[in-house]
Amino acid sequence: MSFLNKIDGWRTKVFVWFGLPVIAAIGLMMGATDLAPTWEAKNGGGTPGTFTAVHEDCGRRNCEWRGTFAADQGGGRRADVILYDAPDGLAVGGTAPARDTGARAGVFSTTGGSTYLLVTGLTVAGVAALAAWVVIIIRKIRGRRAKAAAPAVSFAPSR
């Protein structure tokens, strides 16, 4: 009996009806919006410029630099952006070469990094969770229709 035919434990039900949609929403909303900009930065695209570090925000596991980005040509400027894949040794007031590819919250360091892998993984997880959830819903609906359409079984003796 496959997993899709046996959704009866409360943990499984919580995961299927709550967990999968949440994973799909987070993966698609947070990952898909920045997927193209991260790959563009990885491939050297975007507007080159300079990031100036203003302050560092640190959480439990990582730190990120926030600051301003000024384009090399055209005078484009973005304030309060994150520098993804920041180089080691950056300090307040320090600068780093960066690229603006239109990412929602920041710009990318020209030194490269693995942000594109994280965003791609998040997007793939969102798509996979959505696909699994849709398959489970379709199978549940088909199973209920099949039960409703099945002829009634009679145990009465036939004449």
Protein backbone atom coordinates (compact mmCIF):
# COMPACT_ATOMS: atom_id res chain seq x y z
CA MET A 1 0.00 0.00 0.00
CA SER A 2 1.50 3.33 -1.00
CA PHE A 3 1.90 6.41 1.17
CA LEU A 4 -0.73 8.27 -0.85
CA ASN A 5 -3.34 5.59 -0.16
CA LYS A 6 -2.66 5.52 3.59
CA ILE A 7 -2.96 9.00 5.05
CA ASP A 8 -4.40 8.20 8.43
CA GLY A 9 -1.94 9.14 11.20
CA TRP A 10 -2.42 12.58 12.73
CA ARG A 11 1.23 13.53 12.05
CA THR A 12 0.88 12.57 8.42
CA LYS A 13 -2.38 14.49 8.12
CA VAL A 14 -0.82 17.60 9.64
CA PHE A 15 2.13 17.34 7.26
CA VAL A 16 -0.04 16.75 4.18
CA TRP A 17 -2.74 19.33 4.85
CA PHE A 18 -0.64 21.99 6.60
CA GLY A 19 3.06 21.32 6.05
CA LEU A 20 3.10 20.80 2.30
CA PRO A 21 1.10 23.97 1.50
CA VAL A 22 3.31 26.02 3.84
CA ILE A 23 6.50 24.63 2.30
CA ALA A 24 5.10 25.31 -1.17
CA ALA A 25 4.11 28.88 -0.30
CA ILE A 26 7.43 29.73 1.34
CA GLY A 27 9.46 28.11 -1.42
CA LEU A 28 7.56 29.74 -4.23
CA MET A 29 7.13 33.19 -2.69
CA MET A 30 10.65 33.56 -1.32
CA GLY A 31 12.57 31.55 -3.87
CA ALA A 32 10.89 32.14 -7.20
CA THR A 33 10.97 35.93 -6.93
CA ASP A 34 14.77 35.96 -6.71
CA LEU A 35 15.58 32.92 -8.85
CA ALA A 36 16.32 34.81 -12.08
CA PRO A 37 18.33 37.61 -10.36
CA THR A 38 20.55 35.13 -8.50
CA TRP A 39 21.37 33.19 -11.65
CA GLU A 40 21.96 36.44 -13.56
CA ALA A 41 24.45 37.49 -10.87
CA LYS A 42 26.13 34.07 -10.96
CA ASN A 43 26.60 34.47 -14.72
CA GLY A 44 28.06 37.99 -14.38
CA GLY A 45 24.99 39.95 -15.48
CA GLY A 46 23.38 43.01 -13.98
CA THR A 47 24.54 46.53 -13.30
CA PRO A 48 28.06 46.77 -11.86
CA GLY A 49 28.66 49.13 -8.99
CA THR A 50 29.97 49.55 -5.46
CA PHE A 51 28.39 48.44 -2.20
CA THR A 52 29.21 50.50 0.88
CA ALA A 53 28.71 48.70 4.18
CA VAL A 54 26.62 50.59 6.75
CA HIS A 55 25.88 47.94 9.39
CA GLU A 56 25.95 44.20 9.95
CA ASP A 57 22.87 42.27 11.06
CA CYS A 58 23.65 39.00 12.80
CA GLY A 59 21.21 36.23 13.64
CA ARG A 60 21.77 32.87 15.27
CA ARG A 61 23.62 31.29 12.38
CA ASN A 62 24.76 33.98 10.00
CA CYS A 63 25.44 37.64 9.50
CA GLU A 64 24.53 39.88 6.58
CA TRP A 65 25.81 43.27 5.56
CA ARG A 66 23.37 46.09 4.83
CA GLY A 67 24.30 49.28 3.11
CA THR A 68 24.00 51.30 -0.08
CA PHE A 69 24.69 50.37 -3.67
CA ALA A 70 25.83 52.92 -6.24
CA ALA A 71 26.01 51.94 -9.91
CA ASP A 72 29.25 52.64 -11.76
CA GLN A 73 27.42 54.27 -14.65
CA GLY A 74 24.07 56.00 -14.79
CA GLY A 75 23.94 57.12 -11.18
CA GLY A 76 21.58 54.34 -10.04
CA ARG A 77 21.47 54.03 -6.26
CA ARG A 78 19.77 51.67 -3.82
CA ALA A 79 19.70 52.27 -0.08
CA ASP A 80 19.38 49.71 2.72
CA VAL A 81 20.15 46.64 0.62
CA ILE A 82 21.77 43.35 1.60
CA LEU A 83 25.08 42.33 0.06
CA TYR A 84 24.66 38.65 -0.80
CA ASP A 85 27.85 36.57 -0.70
CA ALA A 86 29.76 39.38 1.03
CA PRO A 87 33.55 39.03 0.99
CA ASP A 88 35.40 38.24 4.20
CA GLY A 89 36.93 41.20 6.00
CA LEU A 90 34.24 43.73 5.11
CA ALA A 91 33.85 46.39 7.80
CA VAL A 92 31.57 49.35 8.46
CA GLY A 93 32.35 52.00 5.85
CA GLY A 94 34.16 49.47 3.67
CA THR A 95 33.29 48.95 0.03
CA ALA A 96 33.01 45.92 -2.20
CA PRO A 97 32.34 45.53 -5.92
CA ALA A 98 28.78 44.32 -6.50
CA ARG A 99 26.12 43.73 -9.15
CA ASP A 100 22.49 44.78 -9.08
CA THR A 101 20.36 42.25 -10.92
CA GLY A 102 17.00 43.38 -9.56
CA ALA A 103 16.80 41.07 -6.56
CA ARG A 104 14.08 42.06 -4.13
CA ALA A 105 16.24 42.85 -1.10
CA GLY A 106 19.81 43.20 -2.22
CA VAL A 107 22.75 43.12 -4.58
CA PHE A 108 25.37 40.43 -5.21
CA SER A 109 29.07 40.50 -4.55
CA THR A 110 31.20 40.04 -7.67
CA THR A 111 33.40 37.57 -5.75
CA GLY A 112 30.66 34.95 -6.19
CA GLY A 113 29.10 32.64 -3.68
CA SER A 114 26.40 30.06 -3.17
CA THR A 115 23.25 32.18 -2.83
CA TYR A 116 22.07 30.94 -6.23
CA LEU A 117 22.14 27.36 -4.89
CA LEU A 118 20.10 28.27 -1.81
CA VAL A 119 17.48 30.15 -3.83
CA THR A 120 17.30 27.37 -6.44
CA GLY A 121 16.90 24.74 -3.72
CA LEU A 122 14.17 26.75 -2.02
CA THR A 123 12.29 27.12 -5.30
CA VAL A 124 12.64 23.43 -6.19
CA ALA A 125 11.39 22.45 -2.71
CA GLY A 126 8.37 24.75 -3.16
CA VAL A 127 7.53 23.29 -6.56
CA ALA A 128 7.97 19.71 -5.29
CA ALA A 129 5.77 20.36 -2.24
CA LEU A 130 3.08 21.94 -4.41
CA ALA A 131 3.18 19.05 -6.88
CA ALA A 132 2.97 16.46 -4.10
CA TRP A 133 0.07 18.29 -2.46
CA VAL A 134 -1.86 18.51 -5.74
CA VAL A 135 -1.28 14.80 -6.46
CA ILE A 136 -2.51 13.87 -2.97
CA ILE A 137 -5.64 16.01 -3.36
CA ILE A 138 -6.43 14.55 -6.79
CA ARG A 139 -6.00 10.98 -5.50
CA LYS A 140 -8.21 11.69 -2.49
CA ILE A 141 -10.95 13.11 -4.74
CA ARG A 142 -10.71 10.16 -7.15
CA GLY A 143 -10.82 7.71 -4.24
CA ARG A 144 -13.99 9.29 -2.85
CA ARG A 145 -15.65 9.31 -6.27
CA ALA A 146 -14.76 5.66 -6.80
CA LYS A 147 -16.28 4.72 -3.43
CA ALA A 148 -19.44 6.69 -4.20
CA ALA A 149 -19.82 5.12 -7.66
CA ALA A 150 -19.24 1.53 -6.52
CA PRO A 151 -22.40 -0.61 -6.62
CA ALA A 152 -23.88 -1.67 -3.34
CA VAL A 153 -22.94 -5.19 -2.33
CA SER A 154 -25.81 -7.35 -1.28
CA PHE A 155 -25.34 -10.38 0.90
CA ALA A 156 -28.88 -11.60 0.34
CA PRO A 157 -29.21 -14.99 -1.30
CA SER A 158 -29.98 -14.79 -4.98
CA ARG A 159 -33.03 -16.59 -6.40
